[in-house]
């Protein structure tokens, strides 16, 4: 199962595929896969904090 991050509200959730609407803000958003795929962050069962931080920087959020 992947970790997905909403581009609108930054909500992170686990799902096989991103939904059409965010379960938190109920908007139609773009979702980023922020799943860890390398051993340094623990592998696929974990969230990759580096990707989360990068997505937040890209959106101008702190």
C-alpha atoms as a PDB file:
ATOM      1  CA  UNK A   1       0.000   0.000   0.000  1.00  0.00           C
ATOM      2  CA  UNK A   2       1.309   3.489  -0.852  1.00  0.00           C
ATOM      3  CA  UNK A   3       1.374   6.717   1.110  1.00  0.00           C
ATOM      4  CA  UNK A   4      -0.306   9.593  -0.739  1.00  0.00           C
ATOM      5  CA  UNK A   5      -0.117  13.323   0.023  1.00  0.00           C
ATOM      6  CA  UNK A   6      -2.815  15.778  -1.054  1.00  0.00           C
ATOM      7  CA  UNK A   7      -1.567  18.835  -2.950  1.00  0.00           C
ATOM      8  CA  UNK A   8      -4.286  21.001  -1.435  1.00  0.00           C
ATOM      9  CA  UNK A   9      -4.263  20.277   2.306  1.00  0.00           C
ATOM     10  CA  UNK A  10      -1.118  18.073   2.718  1.00  0.00           C
ATOM     11  CA  UNK A  11      -3.184  15.241   4.217  1.00  0.00           C
ATOM     12  CA  UNK A  12      -1.275  11.942   4.076  1.00  0.00           C
ATOM     13  CA  UNK A  13      -3.028   8.582   3.906  1.00  0.00           C
ATOM     14  CA  UNK A  14      -2.396   4.982   2.819  1.00  0.00           C
ATOM     15  CA  UNK A  15      -4.181   3.501  -0.187  1.00  0.00           C
ATOM     16  CA  UNK A  16      -3.443   1.247  -3.159  1.00  0.00           C
ATOM     17  CA  UNK A  17      -4.193   4.140  -5.531  1.00  0.00           C
ATOM     18  CA  UNK A  18      -5.049   7.807  -5.040  1.00  0.00           C
ATOM     19  CA  UNK A  19      -8.771   8.592  -4.866  1.00  0.00           C
ATOM     20  CA  UNK A  20     -10.588  11.045  -7.078  1.00  0.00           C
ATOM     21  CA  UNK A  21     -11.190  13.386  -4.118  1.00  0.00           C
ATOM     22  CA  UNK A  22      -9.149  13.912  -0.966  1.00  0.00           C
ATOM     23  CA  UNK A  23     -10.659  12.139   2.066  1.00  0.00           C
ATOM     24  CA  UNK A  24      -9.752  15.137   4.261  1.00  0.00           C
ATOM     25  CA  UNK A  25     -10.532  18.343   2.306  1.00  0.00           C
ATOM     26  CA  UNK A  26     -13.035  16.687  -0.084  1.00  0.00           C
ATOM     27  CA  UNK A  27     -11.488  18.516  -3.069  1.00  0.00           C
ATOM     28  CA  UNK A  28     -10.342  17.072  -6.389  1.00  0.00           C
ATOM     29  CA  UNK A  29      -6.573  17.332  -5.922  1.00  0.00           C
ATOM     30  CA  UNK A  30      -3.282  16.063  -7.238  1.00  0.00           C
ATOM     31  CA  UNK A  31      -1.729  13.372  -5.061  1.00  0.00           C
ATOM     32  CA  UNK A  32       1.998  12.734  -4.627  1.00  0.00           C
ATOM     33  CA  UNK A  33       3.326   9.295  -3.805  1.00  0.00           C
ATOM     34  CA  UNK A  34       5.425   9.853  -0.657  1.00  0.00           C
ATOM     35  CA  UNK A  35       6.100   6.176   0.022  1.00  0.00           C
ATOM     36  CA  UNK A  36       9.621   5.211   1.072  1.00  0.00           C
ATOM     37  CA  UNK A  37      11.275   3.005  -1.550  1.00  0.00           C
ATOM     38  CA  UNK A  38      14.817   2.952  -0.109  1.00  0.00           C
ATOM     39  CA  UNK A  39      16.242   1.221   2.979  1.00  0.00           C
ATOM     40  CA  UNK A  40      17.404   4.530   4.517  1.00  0.00           C
ATOM     41  CA  UNK A  41      13.843   5.472   5.488  1.00  0.00           C
ATOM     42  CA  UNK A  42      12.640   1.965   6.273  1.00  0.00           C
ATOM     43  CA  UNK A  43      11.227   0.676   2.992  1.00  0.00           C
ATOM     44  CA  UNK A  44       7.724   0.571   1.458  1.00  0.00           C
ATOM     45  CA  UNK A  45       5.780   0.297   4.711  1.00  0.00           C
ATOM     46  CA  UNK A  46       7.033   3.739   5.711  1.00  0.00           C
ATOM     47  CA  UNK A  47       6.561   7.339   4.747  1.00  0.00           C
ATOM     48  CA  UNK A  48       9.549   9.103   3.151  1.00  0.00           C
ATOM     49  CA  UNK A  49       9.903  12.310   5.200  1.00  0.00           C
ATOM     50  CA  UNK A  50      12.265  13.759   2.588  1.00  0.00           C
ATOM     51  CA  UNK A  51       9.558  13.548  -0.094  1.00  0.00           C
ATOM     52  CA  UNK A  52       6.992  15.110   2.246  1.00  0.00           C
ATOM     53  CA  UNK A  53       9.334  18.029   2.999  1.00  0.00           C
ATOM     54  CA  UNK A  54      10.094  18.464  -0.710  1.00  0.00           C
ATOM     55  CA  UNK A  55       6.386  18.570  -1.635  1.00  0.00           C
ATOM     56  CA  UNK A  56       5.722  21.113   1.101  1.00  0.00           C
ATOM     57  CA  UNK A  57       8.608  23.323  -0.126  1.00  0.00           C
ATOM     58  CA  UNK A  58       7.277  23.101  -3.693  1.00  0.00           C
ATOM     59  CA  UNK A  59       3.839  24.229  -2.582  1.00  0.00           C
ATOM     60  CA  UNK A  60       5.262  27.088  -0.498  1.00  0.00           C
ATOM     61  CA  UNK A  61       4.032  25.621   2.783  1.00  0.00           C
ATOM     62  CA  UNK A  62       6.208  25.255   5.865  1.00  0.00           C
END
